[in-house]
């Protein structure tokens, strides 16, 4: 997608120098940087144990991958409905009407609409008076004890984080305990903390499933889409992008493969009306989670080590891959009565 900037006027004027405003200061027992599923649950548990908690989340949503990213299908834990996970699932049951109403796809026993998960997590957090949620800010600096206020004997201990928003406003949150729960682990390099990612070689720990040679690749990036079923006769085919290549998706399912004997999942009826493949992530109320790993919309992009400025372009590539896969199943599979919608 090209962005066209139109310069309509140029004005030269003197700008008076204004002092940069000091960050707004907060103090708390526990700071949770990131409001994804893990950050939310850590916050609730800490609050119930008597700690004052501040969650700082960059987006308007809580739940991260489970909600804002659209992956609203719980892997595993169906027979272990304990703790906070059990509470969350019971709220889903209350909303939809019981266990059978959320067992809509074959990838999971618990599937839900992303905005419903977001609402439930907000309600769970809102029920805890010790939790404060601050939205729209991302971390830019980690404060260590030796940097600012001496509070601990260890000068390398993390004492808080400075965050910034899109308007340049800043907040300084000091805490006894800081929990890293950002999407990409951004606090680790900011704190000069040692970290590693990827696959270790097999001989390092003797893991039989490990690769013979280690590498820094992790799970592929997927820009998940939510499709809605508009019923027979509707044509919701997306626009074909310039990068579309149907060969990338050959083998996504058996009937859409160049090899009819390929050992891949069955698409479903040839009419395309009810593709078994799409039922993988079927959600309540005739929605579909598009997160298909078999010659689907996964794309490998090493986004972890990218800068904040580089990541949007990488995410656009992932989004385009998903649009291309949707176009493929609509045109090749006949599934034209689906349309992508925002998670909310």
C-alpha atoms as a PDB file:
ATOM      1  CA  UNK A   1       0.000   0.000   0.000  1.00  0.00           C
ATOM      2  CA  UNK A   2       1.378   3.391  -0.982  1.00  0.00           C
ATOM      3  CA  UNK A   3       0.910   6.396   1.200  1.00  0.00           C
ATOM      4  CA  UNK A   4       0.753   9.690  -0.690  1.00  0.00           C
ATOM      5  CA  UNK A   5       1.642  12.794   1.217  1.00  0.00           C
ATOM      6  CA  UNK A   6       0.399  16.122  -0.207  1.00  0.00           C
ATOM      7  CA  UNK A   7       2.252  19.235   0.865  1.00  0.00           C
ATOM      8  CA  UNK A   8      -0.210  22.070   0.555  1.00  0.00           C
ATOM      9  CA  UNK A   9       1.768  24.891   2.099  1.00  0.00           C
ATOM     10  CA  UNK A  10       5.071  25.678   3.658  1.00  0.00           C
ATOM     11  CA  UNK A  11       5.250  28.253   6.406  1.00  0.00           C
ATOM     12  CA  UNK A  12       8.336  29.487   8.142  1.00  0.00           C
ATOM     13  CA  UNK A  13       7.865  30.751  11.617  1.00  0.00           C
ATOM     14  CA  UNK A  14       9.743  31.136  14.846  1.00  0.00           C
ATOM     15  CA  UNK A  15       8.959  28.589  17.513  1.00  0.00           C
ATOM     16  CA  UNK A  16       9.571  29.509  21.092  1.00  0.00           C
ATOM     17  CA  UNK A  17      11.547  26.951  23.028  1.00  0.00           C
ATOM     18  CA  UNK A  18       9.485  25.214  25.664  1.00  0.00           C
ATOM     19  CA  UNK A  19      10.876  23.036  28.397  1.00  0.00           C
ATOM     20  CA  UNK A  20      10.127  19.341  28.036  1.00  0.00           C
ATOM     21  CA  UNK A  21       7.521  18.312  30.579  1.00  0.00           C
ATOM     22  CA  UNK A  22       8.669  15.898  33.222  1.00  0.00           C
ATOM     23  CA  UNK A  23       7.052  12.436  33.058  1.00  0.00           C
ATOM     24  CA  UNK A  24       4.022  11.972  35.288  1.00  0.00           C
ATOM     25  CA  UNK A  25       5.223   9.876  38.232  1.00  0.00           C
ATOM     26  CA  UNK A  26       3.442   6.811  39.646  1.00  0.00           C
ATOM     27  CA  UNK A  27       4.412   4.512  42.488  1.00  0.00           C
ATOM     28  CA  UNK A  28       3.060   1.004  43.014  1.00  0.00           C
ATOM     29  CA  UNK A  29       3.897  -2.398  44.412  1.00  0.00           C
ATOM     30  CA  UNK A  30       3.789  -4.234  41.078  1.00  0.00           C
ATOM     31  CA  UNK A  31       4.202  -2.833  37.576  1.00  0.00           C
ATOM     32  CA  UNK A  32       3.024  -5.055  34.728  1.00  0.00           C
ATOM     33  CA  UNK A  33       4.330  -3.848  31.365  1.00  0.00           C
ATOM     34  CA  UNK A  34       1.850  -5.242  28.863  1.00  0.00           C
ATOM     35  CA  UNK A  35      -1.830  -6.146  29.105  1.00  0.00           C
ATOM     36  CA  UNK A  36      -1.807  -9.448  27.239  1.00  0.00           C
ATOM     37  CA  UNK A  37      -3.307 -12.610  28.713  1.00  0.00           C
ATOM     38  CA  UNK A  38      -0.285 -13.333  30.908  1.00  0.00           C
ATOM     39  CA  UNK A  39       0.010  -9.738  32.086  1.00  0.00           C
ATOM     40  CA  UNK A  40      -3.671  -9.545  32.974  1.00  0.00           C
ATOM     41  CA  UNK A  41      -3.604 -12.796  34.936  1.00  0.00           C
ATOM     42  CA  UNK A  42      -0.415 -11.817  36.782  1.00  0.00           C
ATOM     43  CA  UNK A  43      -2.056  -8.518  37.691  1.00  0.00           C
ATOM     44  CA  UNK A  44      -5.232 -10.113  39.017  1.00  0.00           C
ATOM     45  CA  UNK A  45      -3.312 -12.634  41.101  1.00  0.00           C
ATOM     46  CA  UNK A  46      -0.988  -9.972  42.531  1.00  0.00           C
ATOM     47  CA  UNK A  47      -3.954  -7.766  43.440  1.00  0.00           C
ATOM     48  CA  UNK A  48      -5.718 -10.647  45.168  1.00  0.00           C
ATOM     49  CA  UNK A  49      -2.565 -11.237  47.204  1.00  0.00           C
ATOM     50  CA  UNK A  50      -2.768  -7.668  48.501  1.00  0.00           C
ATOM     51  CA  UNK A  51      -0.487  -5.757  46.123  1.00  0.00           C
ATOM     52  CA  UNK A  52      -1.272  -2.497  44.354  1.00  0.00           C
ATOM     53  CA  UNK A  53      -0.803  -3.043  40.616  1.00  0.00           C
ATOM     54  CA  UNK A  54      -0.415  -0.827  37.564  1.00  0.00           C
ATOM     55  CA  UNK A  55      -0.853  -2.338  34.089  1.00  0.00           C
ATOM     56  CA  UNK A  56       0.560  -0.264  31.243  1.00  0.00           C
ATOM     57  CA  UNK A  57      -0.760  -1.438  27.875  1.00  0.00           C
ATOM     58  CA  UNK A  58      -0.045   0.143  24.493  1.00  0.00           C
ATOM     59  CA  UNK A  59      -3.424  -0.702  22.896  1.00  0.00           C
ATOM     60  CA  UNK A  60      -7.048  -0.233  23.928  1.00  0.00           C
ATOM     61  CA  UNK A  61      -7.521  -3.986  24.399  1.00  0.00           C
ATOM     62  CA  UNK A  62      -6.660  -6.451  27.126  1.00  0.00           C
ATOM     63  CA  UNK A  63      -5.797 -10.040  26.294  1.00  0.00           C
ATOM     64  CA  UNK A  64      -3.142  -9.704  23.608  1.00  0.00           C
ATOM     65  CA  UNK A  65      -3.055 -12.775  21.377  1.00  0.00           C
ATOM     66  CA  UNK A  66      -6.366 -14.131  22.708  1.00  0.00           C
ATOM     67  CA  UNK A  67      -8.305 -10.988  21.847  1.00  0.00           C
ATOM     68  CA  UNK A  68      -6.624  -8.117  19.977  1.00  0.00           C
ATOM     69  CA  UNK A  69      -4.660 -10.523  17.761  1.00  0.00           C
ATOM     70  CA  UNK A  70      -7.762 -12.576  17.015  1.00  0.00           C
ATOM     71  CA  UNK A  71      -6.474 -15.988  18.190  1.00  0.00           C
ATOM     72  CA  UNK A  72      -9.586 -16.606  20.260  1.00  0.00           C
ATOM     73  CA  UNK A  73      -9.218 -20.368  20.594  1.00  0.00           C
ATOM     74  CA  UNK A  74      -7.731 -21.893  23.738  1.00  0.00           C
ATOM     75  CA  UNK A  75      -5.152 -24.653  23.181  1.00  0.00           C
ATOM     76  CA  UNK A  76      -5.360 -27.426  25.772  1.00  0.00           C
ATOM     77  CA  UNK A  77      -6.424 -27.155  29.416  1.00  0.00           C
ATOM     78  CA  UNK A  78      -9.948 -28.383  28.639  1.00  0.00           C
ATOM     79  CA  UNK A  79      -9.762 -30.922  31.459  1.00  0.00           C
ATOM     80  CA  UNK A  80      -7.918 -28.564  33.818  1.00  0.00           C
ATOM     81  CA  UNK A  81     -10.412 -25.755  34.446  1.00  0.00           C
ATOM     82  CA  UNK A  82      -8.643 -24.345  37.491  1.00  0.00           C
ATOM     83  CA  UNK A  83      -7.579 -20.924  38.709  1.00  0.00           C
ATOM     84  CA  UNK A  84      -7.967 -17.790  36.647  1.00  0.00           C
ATOM     85  CA  UNK A  85      -8.258 -19.767  33.426  1.00  0.00           C
ATOM     86  CA  UNK A  86     -11.267 -21.540  34.930  1.00  0.00           C
ATOM     87  CA  UNK A  87     -12.799 -18.199  35.887  1.00  0.00           C
ATOM     88  CA  UNK A  88     -12.327 -16.830  32.381  1.00  0.00           C
ATOM     89  CA  UNK A  89     -13.881 -19.937  30.828  1.00  0.00           C
ATOM     90  CA  UNK A  90     -16.844 -19.830  33.206  1.00  0.00           C
ATOM     91  CA  UNK A  91     -17.510 -16.248  32.077  1.00  0.00           C
ATOM     92  CA  UNK A  92     -17.485 -17.454  28.465  1.00  0.00           C
ATOM     93  CA  UNK A  93     -19.983 -20.173  29.383  1.00  0.00           C
ATOM     94  CA  UNK A  94     -22.206 -17.607  31.104  1.00  0.00           C
ATOM     95  CA  UNK A  95     -22.125 -15.345  28.053  1.00  0.00           C
ATOM     96  CA  UNK A  96     -22.716 -17.945  25.354  1.00  0.00           C
ATOM     97  CA  UNK A  97     -24.885 -20.406  27.291  1.00  0.00           C
ATOM     98  CA  UNK A  98     -22.675 -23.317  28.304  1.00  0.00           C
ATOM     99  CA  UNK A  99     -19.801 -25.557  27.139  1.00  0.00           C
ATOM    100  CA  UNK A 100     -21.464 -26.726  23.918  1.00  0.00           C
ATOM    101  CA  UNK A 101     -21.888 -23.173  22.664  1.00  0.00           C
ATOM    102  CA  UNK A 102     -18.125 -22.494  22.621  1.00  0.00           C
ATOM    103  CA  UNK A 103     -17.044 -25.859  21.201  1.00  0.00           C
ATOM    104  CA  UNK A 104     -17.622 -24.597  17.674  1.00  0.00           C
ATOM    105  CA  UNK A 105     -14.328 -25.518  15.944  1.00  0.00           C
ATOM    106  CA  UNK A 106     -12.130 -28.583  15.906  1.00  0.00           C
ATOM    107  CA  UNK A 107      -8.878 -26.886  16.995  1.00  0.00           C
ATOM    108  CA  UNK A 108     -10.172 -26.281  20.524  1.00  0.00           C
ATOM    109  CA  UNK A 109     -12.966 -26.954  22.981  1.00  0.00           C
ATOM    110  CA  UNK A 110     -13.187 -23.266  23.798  1.00  0.00           C
ATOM    111  CA  UNK A 111     -13.601 -20.673  21.045  1.00  0.00           C
ATOM    112  CA  UNK A 112     -15.071 -17.190  21.324  1.00  0.00           C
ATOM    113  CA  UNK A 113     -15.393 -13.854  19.565  1.00  0.00           C
ATOM    114  CA  UNK A 114     -12.338 -11.648  20.274  1.00  0.00           C
ATOM    115  CA  UNK A 115     -14.347  -8.675  21.514  1.00  0.00           C
ATOM    116  CA  UNK A 116     -16.174 -10.877  24.016  1.00  0.00           C
ATOM    117  CA  UNK A 117     -12.864 -12.066  25.467  1.00  0.00           C
ATOM    118  CA  UNK A 118     -11.696  -8.454  25.677  1.00  0.00           C
ATOM    119  CA  UNK A 119     -14.864  -7.459  27.526  1.00  0.00           C
ATOM    120  CA  UNK A 120     -14.571 -10.337  29.997  1.00  0.00           C
ATOM    121  CA  UNK A 121     -10.925  -9.526  30.804  1.00  0.00           C
ATOM    122  CA  UNK A 122     -11.800  -5.865  31.336  1.00  0.00           C
ATOM    123  CA  UNK A 123     -14.577  -6.928  33.712  1.00  0.00           C
ATOM    124  CA  UNK A 124     -12.232  -9.250  35.628  1.00  0.00           C
ATOM    125  CA  UNK A 125      -9.631  -6.494  35.989  1.00  0.00           C
ATOM    126  CA  UNK A 126     -12.281  -3.920  36.852  1.00  0.00           C
ATOM    127  CA  UNK A 127     -13.465  -6.096  39.714  1.00  0.00           C
ATOM    128  CA  UNK A 128     -10.075  -5.685  41.422  1.00  0.00           C
ATOM    129  CA  UNK A 129      -9.863  -2.246  43.123  1.00  0.00           C
ATOM    130  CA  UNK A 130      -6.089  -2.541  43.549  1.00  0.00           C
ATOM    131  CA  UNK A 131      -5.470  -2.608  39.777  1.00  0.00           C
ATOM    132  CA  UNK A 132      -4.972   0.563  37.745  1.00  0.00           C
ATOM    133  CA  UNK A 133      -4.835   0.274  33.947  1.00  0.00           C
ATOM    134  CA  UNK A 134      -3.018   2.898  31.868  1.00  0.00           C
ATOM    135  CA  UNK A 135      -3.454   2.566  28.093  1.00  0.00           C
ATOM    136  CA  UNK A 136      -1.707   3.991  25.058  1.00  0.00           C
ATOM    137  CA  UNK A 137       1.878   3.930  26.396  1.00  0.00           C
ATOM    138  CA  UNK A 138       4.882   1.832  25.373  1.00  0.00           C
ATOM    139  CA  UNK A 139       8.216   1.391  27.225  1.00  0.00           C
ATOM    140  CA  UNK A 140      11.194   3.533  26.262  1.00  0.00           C
ATOM    141  CA  UNK A 141      13.518   3.274  29.265  1.00  0.00           C
ATOM    142  CA  UNK A 142      14.066   0.902  32.155  1.00  0.00           C
ATOM    143  CA  UNK A 143      15.023   2.565  35.421  1.00  0.00           C
ATOM    144  CA  UNK A 144      17.543   0.717  37.556  1.00  0.00           C
ATOM    145  CA  UNK A 145      18.195   1.423  41.183  1.00  0.00           C
ATOM    146  CA  UNK A 146      21.551   3.055  40.499  1.00  0.00           C
ATOM    147  CA  UNK A 147      20.098   5.334  37.825  1.00  0.00           C
ATOM    148  CA  UNK A 148      17.644   7.377  39.825  1.00  0.00           C
ATOM    149  CA  UNK A 149      16.193   6.840  43.274  1.00  0.00           C
ATOM    150  CA  UNK A 150      18.271   4.607  45.590  1.00  0.00           C
ATOM    151  CA  UNK A 151      15.791   2.154  47.078  1.00  0.00           C
ATOM    152  CA  UNK A 152      17.530  -1.206  46.856  1.00  0.00           C
ATOM    153  CA  UNK A 153      21.013  -2.356  47.709  1.00  0.00           C
ATOM    154  CA  UNK A 154      21.468  -3.839  44.234  1.00  0.00           C
ATOM    155  CA  UNK A 155      22.023  -0.919  41.863  1.00  0.00           C
ATOM    156  CA  UNK A 156      21.194  -3.120  38.852  1.00  0.00           C
ATOM    157  CA  UNK A 157      17.767  -4.045  40.143  1.00  0.00           C
ATOM    158  CA  UNK A 158      14.886  -2.760  38.008  1.00  0.00           C
ATOM    159  CA  UNK A 159      13.082   0.001  39.882  1.00  0.00           C
ATOM    160  CA  UNK A 160      10.583   1.054  37.215  1.00  0.00           C
ATOM    161  CA  UNK A 161       9.949   1.929  33.600  1.00  0.00           C
ATOM    162  CA  UNK A 162       9.414   5.141  31.633  1.00  0.00           C
ATOM    163  CA  UNK A 163       6.698   4.929  28.990  1.00  0.00           C
ATOM    164  CA  UNK A 164       5.737   7.207  26.084  1.00  0.00           C
ATOM    165  CA  UNK A 165       2.547   7.572  24.064  1.00  0.00           C
ATOM    166  CA  UNK A 166       1.952   8.632  20.446  1.00  0.00           C
ATOM    167  CA  UNK A 167       1.695  12.290  21.467  1.00  0.00           C
ATOM    168  CA  UNK A 168       5.079  12.264  23.184  1.00  0.00           C
ATOM    169  CA  UNK A 169       3.647  12.341  26.700  1.00  0.00           C
ATOM    170  CA  UNK A 170       5.582  10.270  29.206  1.00  0.00           C
ATOM    171  CA  UNK A 171       4.915   8.495  32.483  1.00  0.00           C
ATOM    172  CA  UNK A 172       7.411   7.184  35.016  1.00  0.00           C
ATOM    173  CA  UNK A 173       6.154   4.157  36.930  1.00  0.00           C
ATOM    174  CA  UNK A 174       8.235   3.021  39.932  1.00  0.00           C
ATOM    175  CA  UNK A 175       7.554  -0.363  41.499  1.00  0.00           C
ATOM    176  CA  UNK A 176       8.937  -2.882  43.943  1.00  0.00           C
ATOM    177  CA  UNK A 177       8.412  -5.594  41.336  1.00  0.00           C
ATOM    178  CA  UNK A 178       8.327  -5.125  37.548  1.00  0.00           C
ATOM    179  CA  UNK A 179       6.846  -7.856  35.342  1.00  0.00           C
ATOM    180  CA  UNK A 180       7.822  -8.071  31.675  1.00  0.00           C
ATOM    181  CA  UNK A 181       4.637  -8.901  29.747  1.00  0.00           C
ATOM    182  CA  UNK A 182       5.123  -6.928  26.529  1.00  0.00           C
ATOM    183  CA  UNK A 183       4.361  -8.538  23.193  1.00  0.00           C
ATOM    184  CA  UNK A 184       8.000  -8.746  22.058  1.00  0.00           C
ATOM    185  CA  UNK A 185       9.904  -8.736  25.339  1.00  0.00           C
ATOM    186  CA  UNK A 186      10.944  -5.105  24.875  1.00  0.00           C
ATOM    187  CA  UNK A 187      11.990  -4.576  28.485  1.00  0.00           C
ATOM    188  CA  UNK A 188      14.812  -7.103  28.207  1.00  0.00           C
ATOM    189  CA  UNK A 189      17.120  -5.111  25.897  1.00  0.00           C
ATOM    190  CA  UNK A 190      16.098  -1.853  27.583  1.00  0.00           C
ATOM    191  CA  UNK A 191      17.301  -3.323  30.884  1.00  0.00           C
ATOM    192  CA  UNK A 192      20.498  -4.737  29.342  1.00  0.00           C
ATOM    193  CA  UNK A 193      19.299  -8.128  30.561  1.00  0.00           C
ATOM    194  CA  UNK A 194      20.709 -11.269  29.047  1.00  0.00           C
ATOM    195  CA  UNK A 195      18.267 -13.225  26.916  1.00  0.00           C
ATOM    196  CA  UNK A 196      18.196 -15.704  24.074  1.00  0.00           C
ATOM    197  CA  UNK A 197      15.602 -17.110  21.704  1.00  0.00           C
ATOM    198  CA  UNK A 198      15.370 -19.760  19.033  1.00  0.00           C
ATOM    199  CA  UNK A 199      16.291 -23.455  19.021  1.00  0.00           C
ATOM    200  CA  UNK A 200      19.234 -24.974  20.873  1.00  0.00           C
ATOM    201  CA  UNK A 201      21.227 -27.706  19.103  1.00  0.00           C
ATOM    202  CA  UNK A 202      20.224 -31.254  19.987  1.00  0.00           C
ATOM    203  CA  UNK A 203      23.461 -32.099  21.751  1.00  0.00           C
ATOM    204  CA  UNK A 204      23.272 -29.118  24.151  1.00  0.00           C
ATOM    205  CA  UNK A 205      20.531 -30.564  26.338  1.00  0.00           C
ATOM    206  CA  UNK A 206      19.978 -33.966  24.747  1.00  0.00           C
ATOM    207  CA  UNK A 207      16.472 -33.155  23.502  1.00  0.00           C
ATOM    208  CA  UNK A 208      15.552 -35.683  20.795  1.00  0.00           C
ATOM    209  CA  UNK A 209      13.084 -33.254  19.134  1.00  0.00           C
ATOM    210  CA  UNK A 210      15.627 -30.429  18.900  1.00  0.00           C
ATOM    211  CA  UNK A 211      17.299 -29.664  15.539  1.00  0.00           C
ATOM    212  CA  UNK A 212      20.771 -31.025  14.988  1.00  0.00           C
ATOM    213  CA  UNK A 213      22.056 -27.484  14.496  1.00  0.00           C
ATOM    214  CA  UNK A 214      20.699 -24.610  16.562  1.00  0.00           C
ATOM    215  CA  UNK A 215      19.209 -21.507  14.955  1.00  0.00           C
ATOM    216  CA  UNK A 216      17.421 -18.310  15.985  1.00  0.00           C
ATOM    217  CA  UNK A 217      14.165 -18.954  14.145  1.00  0.00           C
ATOM    218  CA  UNK A 218      11.004 -19.047  16.245  1.00  0.00           C
ATOM    219  CA  UNK A 219       7.345 -19.539  15.379  1.00  0.00           C
ATOM    220  CA  UNK A 220       6.164 -17.904  12.164  1.00  0.00           C
ATOM    221  CA  UNK A 221       4.293 -14.618  12.278  1.00  0.00           C
ATOM    222  CA  UNK A 222       0.588 -14.811  11.448  1.00  0.00           C
ATOM    223  CA  UNK A 223      -1.745 -11.861  10.917  1.00  0.00           C
ATOM    224  CA  UNK A 224      -4.971 -13.502  12.050  1.00  0.00           C
ATOM    225  CA  UNK A 225      -8.213 -12.413  10.402  1.00  0.00           C
ATOM    226  CA  UNK A 226     -11.790 -12.978  11.538  1.00  0.00           C
ATOM    227  CA  UNK A 227     -14.242 -13.782   8.735  1.00  0.00           C
ATOM    228  CA  UNK A 228     -18.001 -13.532   8.969  1.00  0.00           C
ATOM    229  CA  UNK A 229     -20.365 -15.761   7.017  1.00  0.00           C
ATOM    230  CA  UNK A 230     -22.788 -13.641   4.988  1.00  0.00           C
ATOM    231  CA  UNK A 231     -24.722 -16.626   3.649  1.00  0.00           C
ATOM    232  CA  UNK A 232     -25.361 -18.177   0.250  1.00  0.00           C
ATOM    233  CA  UNK A 233     -25.422 -15.810  -2.699  1.00  0.00           C
ATOM    234  CA  UNK A 234     -23.200 -13.162  -1.128  1.00  0.00           C
ATOM    235  CA  UNK A 235     -19.944 -12.331  -2.899  1.00  0.00           C
ATOM    236  CA  UNK A 236     -17.417 -10.876  -0.477  1.00  0.00           C
ATOM    237  CA  UNK A 237     -14.280 -11.639  -2.502  1.00  0.00           C
ATOM    238  CA  UNK A 238     -11.378  -9.470  -1.383  1.00  0.00           C
ATOM    239  CA  UNK A 239      -9.305  -7.455  -3.825  1.00  0.00           C
ATOM    240  CA  UNK A 240      -6.380  -9.318  -5.356  1.00  0.00           C
ATOM    241  CA  UNK A 241      -3.036  -7.860  -4.284  1.00  0.00           C
ATOM    242  CA  UNK A 242      -0.023  -7.360  -6.533  1.00  0.00           C
ATOM    243  CA  UNK A 243       1.930  -9.995  -4.596  1.00  0.00           C
ATOM    244  CA  UNK A 244      -0.672 -12.756  -4.954  1.00  0.00           C
ATOM    245  CA  UNK A 245       0.839 -16.092  -5.944  1.00  0.00           C
ATOM    246  CA  UNK A 246      -1.500 -19.114  -5.795  1.00  0.00           C
ATOM    247  CA  UNK A 247       1.487 -21.480  -5.819  1.00  0.00           C
ATOM    248  CA  UNK A 248       2.240 -20.435  -2.220  1.00  0.00           C
ATOM    249  CA  UNK A 249      -1.019 -22.021  -1.098  1.00  0.00           C
ATOM    250  CA  UNK A 250      -0.976 -25.219  -3.131  1.00  0.00           C
ATOM    251  CA  UNK A 251      -1.586 -27.947  -0.575  1.00  0.00           C
ATOM    252  CA  UNK A 252      -3.540 -25.812   1.871  1.00  0.00           C
ATOM    253  CA  UNK A 253      -6.098 -28.639   1.745  1.00  0.00           C
ATOM    254  CA  UNK A 254      -6.590 -31.712  -0.442  1.00  0.00           C
ATOM    255  CA  UNK A 255      -9.117 -30.438  -2.995  1.00  0.00           C
ATOM    256  CA  UNK A 256      -7.094 -27.256  -3.513  1.00  0.00           C
ATOM    257  CA  UNK A 257      -3.838 -29.114  -4.054  1.00  0.00           C
ATOM    258  CA  UNK A 258      -2.085 -29.845  -7.314  1.00  0.00           C
ATOM    259  CA  UNK A 259      -1.563 -33.350  -5.954  1.00  0.00           C
ATOM    260  CA  UNK A 260      -4.946 -35.000  -5.239  1.00  0.00           C
ATOM    261  CA  UNK A 261      -3.156 -37.682  -3.226  1.00  0.00           C
ATOM    262  CA  UNK A 262      -1.356 -35.183  -1.006  1.00  0.00           C
ATOM    263  CA  UNK A 263      -1.345 -36.051   2.679  1.00  0.00           C
ATOM    264  CA  UNK A 264      -3.108 -32.892   3.815  1.00  0.00           C
ATOM    265  CA  UNK A 265      -6.399 -32.112   5.503  1.00  0.00           C
ATOM    266  CA  UNK A 266      -9.641 -32.444   3.578  1.00  0.00           C
ATOM    267  CA  UNK A 267     -11.116 -29.158   2.394  1.00  0.00           C
ATOM    268  CA  UNK A 268     -14.724 -30.231   2.719  1.00  0.00           C
ATOM    269  CA  UNK A 269     -17.574 -30.330   0.203  1.00  0.00           C
ATOM    270  CA  UNK A 270     -16.496 -29.376  -3.297  1.00  0.00           C
ATOM    271  CA  UNK A 271     -19.198 -26.717  -3.355  1.00  0.00           C
ATOM    272  CA  UNK A 272     -17.132 -24.747  -0.884  1.00  0.00           C
ATOM    273  CA  UNK A 273     -20.192 -24.008   1.221  1.00  0.00           C
ATOM    274  CA  UNK A 274     -18.833 -25.562   4.389  1.00  0.00           C
ATOM    275  CA  UNK A 275     -15.095 -26.095   4.080  1.00  0.00           C
ATOM    276  CA  UNK A 276     -13.952 -28.502   6.774  1.00  0.00           C
ATOM    277  CA  UNK A 277     -10.641 -26.650   6.728  1.00  0.00           C
ATOM    278  CA  UNK A 278     -12.264 -23.390   7.835  1.00  0.00           C
ATOM    279  CA  UNK A 279     -14.111 -25.147  10.643  1.00  0.00           C
ATOM    280  CA  UNK A 280     -10.698 -25.476  12.246  1.00  0.00           C
ATOM    281  CA  UNK A 281     -11.282 -22.093  13.867  1.00  0.00           C
ATOM    282  CA  UNK A 282     -15.018 -21.653  13.623  1.00  0.00           C
ATOM    283  CA  UNK A 283     -16.202 -19.221  16.313  1.00  0.00           C
ATOM    284  CA  UNK A 284     -19.667 -18.651  17.765  1.00  0.00           C
ATOM    285  CA  UNK A 285     -22.170 -16.606  15.725  1.00  0.00           C
ATOM    286  CA  UNK A 286     -20.855 -17.706  12.303  1.00  0.00           C
ATOM    287  CA  UNK A 287     -17.378 -16.219  12.527  1.00  0.00           C
ATOM    288  CA  UNK A 288     -14.133 -17.919  11.461  1.00  0.00           C
ATOM    289  CA  UNK A 289     -10.627 -17.473  12.805  1.00  0.00           C
ATOM    290  CA  UNK A 290      -8.152 -17.475   9.897  1.00  0.00           C
ATOM    291  CA  UNK A 291      -4.960 -18.871  11.362  1.00  0.00           C
ATOM    292  CA  UNK A 292      -4.103 -21.711   8.984  1.00  0.00           C
ATOM    293  CA  UNK A 293      -0.591 -23.219   9.247  1.00  0.00           C
ATOM    294  CA  UNK A 294      -0.664 -25.662   6.283  1.00  0.00           C
ATOM    295  CA  UNK A 295       0.436 -23.664   3.230  1.00  0.00           C
ATOM    296  CA  UNK A 296      -1.722 -20.948   4.712  1.00  0.00           C
ATOM    297  CA  UNK A 297      -1.207 -17.461   6.099  1.00  0.00           C
ATOM    298  CA  UNK A 298       1.904 -18.068   8.199  1.00  0.00           C
ATOM    299  CA  UNK A 299       4.935 -16.051   7.128  1.00  0.00           C
ATOM    300  CA  UNK A 300       8.441 -16.108   8.570  1.00  0.00           C
ATOM    301  CA  UNK A 301       9.602 -12.641   9.579  1.00  0.00           C
ATOM    302  CA  UNK A 302      12.255 -12.190  12.315  1.00  0.00           C
ATOM    303  CA  UNK A 303      10.274  -9.440  14.031  1.00  0.00           C
ATOM    304  CA  UNK A 304      11.669  -9.831  17.563  1.00  0.00           C
ATOM    305  CA  UNK A 305      14.927  -8.003  16.945  1.00  0.00           C
ATOM    306  CA  UNK A 306      13.372  -5.293  14.791  1.00  0.00           C
ATOM    307  CA  UNK A 307      13.052  -1.744  16.037  1.00  0.00           C
ATOM    308  CA  UNK A 308       9.661  -0.242  16.818  1.00  0.00           C
ATOM    309  CA  UNK A 309       9.944   1.765  13.585  1.00  0.00           C
ATOM    310  CA  UNK A 310      10.617  -1.365  11.493  1.00  0.00           C
ATOM    311  CA  UNK A 311       7.804  -3.524  12.838  1.00  0.00           C
ATOM    312  CA  UNK A 312       4.804  -1.866  11.108  1.00  0.00           C
ATOM    313  CA  UNK A 313       6.200  -2.704   7.657  1.00  0.00           C
ATOM    314  CA  UNK A 314       6.751  -6.321   8.706  1.00  0.00           C
ATOM    315  CA  UNK A 315       3.206  -6.556  10.033  1.00  0.00           C
ATOM    316  CA  UNK A 316       1.880  -5.173   6.741  1.00  0.00           C
ATOM    317  CA  UNK A 317       3.647  -8.033   4.929  1.00  0.00           C
ATOM    318  CA  UNK A 318       1.959 -10.525   7.239  1.00  0.00           C
ATOM    319  CA  UNK A 319      -1.397  -8.834   6.674  1.00  0.00           C
ATOM    320  CA  UNK A 320      -0.925  -9.072   2.916  1.00  0.00           C
ATOM    321  CA  UNK A 321      -0.123 -12.786   3.205  1.00  0.00           C
ATOM    322  CA  UNK A 322      -3.433 -13.311   4.999  1.00  0.00           C
ATOM    323  CA  UNK A 323      -5.363 -11.325   2.397  1.00  0.00           C
ATOM    324  CA  UNK A 324      -3.730 -13.408  -0.319  1.00  0.00           C
ATOM    325  CA  UNK A 325      -4.723 -16.661   1.384  1.00  0.00           C
ATOM    326  CA  UNK A 326      -8.299 -15.441   1.817  1.00  0.00           C
ATOM    327  CA  UNK A 327      -8.401 -14.533  -1.885  1.00  0.00           C
ATOM    328  CA  UNK A 328      -7.101 -18.023  -2.708  1.00  0.00           C
ATOM    329  CA  UNK A 329      -9.801 -19.889  -0.770  1.00  0.00           C
ATOM    330  CA  UNK A 330     -12.486 -17.549  -2.102  1.00  0.00           C
ATOM    331  CA  UNK A 331     -11.531 -17.921  -5.750  1.00  0.00           C
ATOM    332  CA  UNK A 332     -10.123 -21.469  -5.795  1.00  0.00           C
ATOM    333  CA  UNK A 333     -12.324 -22.917  -3.074  1.00  0.00           C
ATOM    334  CA  UNK A 334     -15.539 -21.094  -3.886  1.00  0.00           C
ATOM    335  CA  UNK A 335     -15.843 -19.664  -0.413  1.00  0.00           C
ATOM    336  CA  UNK A 336     -16.899 -16.199  -1.527  1.00  0.00           C
ATOM    337  CA  UNK A 337     -19.573 -15.502   1.055  1.00  0.00           C
ATOM    338  CA  UNK A 338     -16.994 -14.737   3.755  1.00  0.00           C
ATOM    339  CA  UNK A 339     -15.645 -11.300   4.545  1.00  0.00           C
ATOM    340  CA  UNK A 340     -12.828 -10.204   6.841  1.00  0.00           C
ATOM    341  CA  UNK A 341     -13.843  -7.941   9.700  1.00  0.00           C
ATOM    342  CA  UNK A 342     -11.943  -6.290  12.555  1.00  0.00           C
ATOM    343  CA  UNK A 343     -11.642  -8.438  15.740  1.00  0.00           C
ATOM    344  CA  UNK A 344     -14.064  -6.125  17.528  1.00  0.00           C
END
